[in-house]
C-alpha atoms as a PDB file:
ATOM      1  CA  MET A   1      55.374 161.478 108.156  1.00  0.00           C
ATOM      2  CA  SER A   2      56.504 160.843 111.347  1.00  0.00           C
ATOM      3  CA  ASP A   3      57.896 157.699 113.064  1.00  0.00           C
ATOM      4  CA  LEU A   4      54.726 157.322 115.531  1.00  0.00           C
ATOM      5  CA  ALA A   5      52.234 157.878 112.405  1.00  0.00           C
ATOM      6  CA  GLU A   6      54.314 154.797 110.505  1.00  0.00           C
ATOM      7  CA  GLU A   7      53.949 152.842 113.922  1.00  0.00           C
ATOM      8  CA  MET A   8      50.368 153.520 114.191  1.00  0.00           C
ATOM      9  CA  LYS A   9      49.789 152.764 110.156  1.00  0.00           C
ATOM     10  CA  ALA A  10      51.809 149.311 110.854  1.00  0.00           C
ATOM     11  CA  ASN A  11      50.083 148.491 114.047  1.00  0.00           C
ATOM     12  CA  ALA A  12      46.592 148.959 112.131  1.00  0.00           C
ATOM     13  CA  LEU A  13      47.809 146.633 109.574  1.00  0.00           C
ATOM     14  CA  GLU A  14      48.823 144.018 111.935  1.00  0.00           C
ATOM     15  CA  ALA A  15      45.605 144.372 113.584  1.00  0.00           C
ATOM     16  CA  GLN A  16      43.879 143.431 110.102  1.00  0.00           C
ATOM     17  CA  ARG A  17      46.083 140.221 109.871  1.00  0.00           C
ATOM     18  CA  PHE A  18      45.344 139.195 113.468  1.00  0.00           C
ATOM     19  CA  SER A  19      41.955 139.648 113.345  1.00  0.00           C
ATOM     20  CA  ARG A  20      41.606 137.989 109.777  1.00  0.00           C
ATOM     21  CA  LYS A  21      43.766 134.798 111.289  1.00  0.00           C
ATOM     22  CA  HIS A  22      42.313 134.350 115.023  1.00  0.00           C
ATOM     23  CA  LEU A  23      38.621 135.804 114.499  1.00  0.00           C
ATOM     24  CA  VAL A  24      38.049 135.649 110.976  1.00  0.00           C
ATOM     25  CA  LEU A  25      37.046 139.370 110.608  1.00  0.00           C
ATOM     26  CA  GLU A  26      37.784 141.427 107.420  1.00  0.00           C
ATOM     27  CA  LEU A  27      38.937 145.178 108.556  1.00  0.00           C
ATOM     28  CA  ASP A  28      38.077 147.909 106.462  1.00  0.00           C
ATOM     29  CA  PHE A  29      38.759 151.082 108.739  1.00  0.00           C
ATOM     30  CA  SER A  30      34.771 151.615 108.780  1.00  0.00           C
ATOM     31  CA  GLU A  31      32.416 152.385 111.637  1.00  0.00           C
ATOM     32  CA  ALA A  32      31.058 148.625 110.939  1.00  0.00           C
ATOM     33  CA  SER A  33      34.690 147.118 111.145  1.00  0.00           C
ATOM     34  CA  VAL A  34      35.057 148.796 114.691  1.00  0.00           C
ATOM     35  CA  ASP A  35      31.916 147.342 115.694  1.00  0.00           C
ATOM     36  CA  LEU A  36      33.110 143.574 114.128  1.00  0.00           C
ATOM     37  CA  ILE A  37      35.904 144.140 116.812  1.00  0.00           C
ATOM     38  CA  GLU A  38      33.557 144.953 119.508  1.00  0.00           C
ATOM     39  CA  ALA A  39      31.439 142.050 118.657  1.00  0.00           C
ATOM     40  CA  ASN A  40      34.284 139.615 119.102  1.00  0.00           C
ATOM     41  CA  ALA A  41      36.500 141.558 121.678  1.00  0.00           C
ATOM     42  CA  ASP A  42      35.556 138.822 124.527  1.00  0.00           C
ATOM     43  CA  ASP A  43      36.444 136.012 122.182  1.00  0.00           C
ATOM     44  CA  VAL A  44      40.083 136.566 121.976  1.00  0.00           C
ATOM     45  CA  GLU A  45      40.563 134.757 125.459  1.00  0.00           C
ATOM     46  CA  TYR A  46      39.767 131.639 123.370  1.00  0.00           C
ATOM     47  CA  ALA A  47      41.047 132.527 120.125  1.00  0.00           C
ATOM     48  CA  ILE A  48      44.812 133.075 120.970  1.00  0.00           C
ATOM     49  CA  LYS A  49      47.068 130.871 123.041  1.00  0.00           C
ATOM     50  CA  GLY A  50      47.368 132.458 126.487  1.00  0.00           C
ATOM     51  CA  GLY A  51      44.006 133.875 126.561  1.00  0.00           C
ATOM     52  CA  LYS A  52      44.214 137.249 128.383  1.00  0.00           C
ATOM     53  CA  SER A  53      47.631 137.156 129.507  1.00  0.00           C
ATOM     54  CA  ASP A  54      49.292 140.358 130.182  1.00  0.00           C
ATOM     55  CA  GLU A  55      51.472 139.614 126.732  1.00  0.00           C
ATOM     56  CA  ASN A  56      48.289 139.425 124.950  1.00  0.00           C
ATOM     57  CA  VAL A  57      46.390 142.324 126.711  1.00  0.00           C
ATOM     58  CA  ALA A  58      49.639 144.879 125.456  1.00  0.00           C
ATOM     59  CA  MET A  59      49.348 143.029 121.971  1.00  0.00           C
ATOM     60  CA  LEU A  60      45.982 144.029 121.432  1.00  0.00           C
ATOM     61  CA  VAL A  61      46.191 147.354 122.980  1.00  0.00           C
ATOM     62  CA  ARG A  62      48.833 147.983 120.752  1.00  0.00           C
ATOM     63  CA  VAL A  63      47.272 146.635 117.346  1.00  0.00           C
ATOM     64  CA  TRP A  64      43.661 147.301 117.968  1.00  0.00           C
ATOM     65  CA  GLY A  65      44.253 150.674 119.610  1.00  0.00           C
ATOM     66  CA  GLY A  66      46.003 151.019 116.288  1.00  0.00           C
ATOM     67  CA  TYR A  67      43.377 150.332 114.181  1.00  0.00           C
ATOM     68  CA  LEU A  68      40.597 152.010 116.205  1.00  0.00           C
ATOM     69  CA  GLY A  69      43.003 155.152 115.899  1.00  0.00           C
ATOM     70  CA  GLU A  70      43.531 154.958 112.246  1.00  0.00           C
ATOM     71  CA  SER A  71      40.106 154.393 111.624  1.00  0.00           C
ATOM     72  CA  LEU A  72      39.468 157.685 113.465  1.00  0.00           C
ATOM     73  CA  ARG A  73      41.906 159.373 111.687  1.00  0.00           C
ATOM     74  CA  LYS A  74      40.746 158.573 108.077  1.00  0.00           C
ATOM     75  CA  ALA A  75      37.183 159.739 109.440  1.00  0.00           C
ATOM     76  CA  CYS A  76      38.257 162.941 110.953  1.00  0.00           C
ATOM     77  CA  GLY A  77      41.816 163.427 110.194  1.00  0.00           C
ATOM     78  CA  GLY A  78      44.270 164.502 112.709  1.00  0.00           C
ATOM     79  CA  GLU A  79      47.710 163.205 113.702  1.00  0.00           C
ATOM     80  CA  TRP A  80      49.510 161.154 116.003  1.00  0.00           C
ATOM     81  CA  VAL A  81      51.124 162.538 119.241  1.00  0.00           C
ATOM     82  CA  GLU A  82      52.666 161.338 122.598  1.00  0.00           C
ATOM     83  CA  GLU A  83      51.318 163.379 125.517  1.00  0.00           C
ATOM     84  CA  ASP A  84      52.898 162.526 129.037  1.00  0.00           C
ATOM     85  CA  GLY A  85      53.731 158.822 127.906  1.00  0.00           C
ATOM     86  CA  VAL A  86      50.059 158.361 125.890  1.00  0.00           C
ATOM     87  CA  ILE A  87      50.112 158.196 122.454  1.00  0.00           C
ATOM     88  CA  CYS A  88      46.934 160.014 121.568  1.00  0.00           C
ATOM     89  CA  LEU A  89      44.963 160.865 118.435  1.00  0.00           C
ATOM     90  CA  ARG A  90      44.837 164.751 118.246  1.00  0.00           C
ATOM     91  CA  THR A  91      42.887 167.057 115.952  1.00  0.00           C
ATOM     92  CA  GLU A  92      41.891 170.933 116.337  1.00  0.00           C
ATOM     93  CA  LYS A  93      38.971 170.269 118.560  1.00  0.00           C
ATOM     94  CA  GLY A  94      40.532 167.744 120.928  1.00  0.00           C
ATOM     95  CA  ALA A  95      42.623 164.309 121.332  1.00  0.00           C
ATOM     96  CA  THR A  96      42.091 160.877 122.512  1.00  0.00           C
ATOM     97  CA  SER A  97      43.822 157.582 123.387  1.00  0.00           C
ATOM     98  CA  PRO A  98      42.324 154.953 121.278  1.00  0.00           C
ATOM     99  CA  GLN A  99      44.995 152.529 122.847  1.00  0.00           C
ATOM    100  CA  GLU A 100      43.622 153.284 126.463  1.00  0.00           C
ATOM    101  CA  GLN A 101      40.005 152.786 125.390  1.00  0.00           C
ATOM    102  CA  VAL A 102      40.926 149.256 124.184  1.00  0.00           C
ATOM    103  CA  ARG A 103      42.999 148.709 127.499  1.00  0.00           C
ATOM    104  CA  LYS A 104      40.003 149.351 129.242  1.00  0.00           C
ATOM    105  CA  ARG A 105      37.314 147.327 127.014  1.00  0.00           C
ATOM    106  CA  ILE A 106      39.719 144.360 127.058  1.00  0.00           C
ATOM    107  CA  VAL A 107      40.405 144.590 130.957  1.00  0.00           C
ATOM    108  CA  GLU A 108      37.065 146.053 132.523  1.00  0.00           C
ATOM    109  CA  GLY A 109      34.752 144.539 129.784  1.00  0.00           C
ATOM    110  CA  GLY A 110      31.589 145.821 127.417  1.00  0.00           C
ATOM    111  CA  THR A 111      30.991 148.994 129.572  1.00  0.00           C
ATOM    112  CA  HIS A 112      33.496 150.525 127.260  1.00  0.00           C
ATOM    113  CA  HIS A 113      31.791 149.561 123.939  1.00  0.00           C
ATOM    114  CA  LEU A 114      34.554 150.267 120.897  1.00  0.00           C
ATOM    115  CA  GLY A 115      31.882 151.395 118.912  1.00  0.00           C
ATOM    116  CA  ASP A 116      29.915 153.558 120.935  1.00  0.00           C
ATOM    117  CA  TYR A 117      33.572 155.204 121.440  1.00  0.00           C
ATOM    118  CA  PHE A 118      34.325 155.422 117.716  1.00  0.00           C
ATOM    119  CA  ARG A 119      31.222 157.376 117.260  1.00  0.00           C
ATOM    120  CA  ARG A 120      31.152 159.564 120.198  1.00  0.00           C
ATOM    121  CA  MET A 121      34.941 160.402 119.035  1.00  0.00           C
ATOM    122  CA  LYS A 122      33.758 161.182 115.457  1.00  0.00           C
ATOM    123  CA  GLY A 123      31.440 163.802 116.605  1.00  0.00           C
ATOM    124  CA  GLU A 124      34.068 165.011 119.099  1.00  0.00           C
ATOM    125  CA  LEU A 125      36.878 165.304 116.992  1.00  0.00           C
END
């Protein structure tokens, strides 16, 4: 297993711990758990010290992006790759960057729905 794959697994586990502690969510790599993150994404501003500071956004992008990607990988297969400085989940059908989706969701809001993204990518990958 590549170092990047190990890093993404570690990030996903950290997302589970973070979400359990700060949002009282149990994440199990299912589509429903991605919907739980979506439903609580705006609450992180109040759930963690510093709210949506640059540091907190970077941490959430790292851990929730890893979790979202690992959930997709479990559903669709694929491998983690870095392309032009962007971490992507790649299958034979295409690639996507869950971290970028999480960044958009946190920074730009609900128009970048994580559950919808998960379902769309599950169909495309």
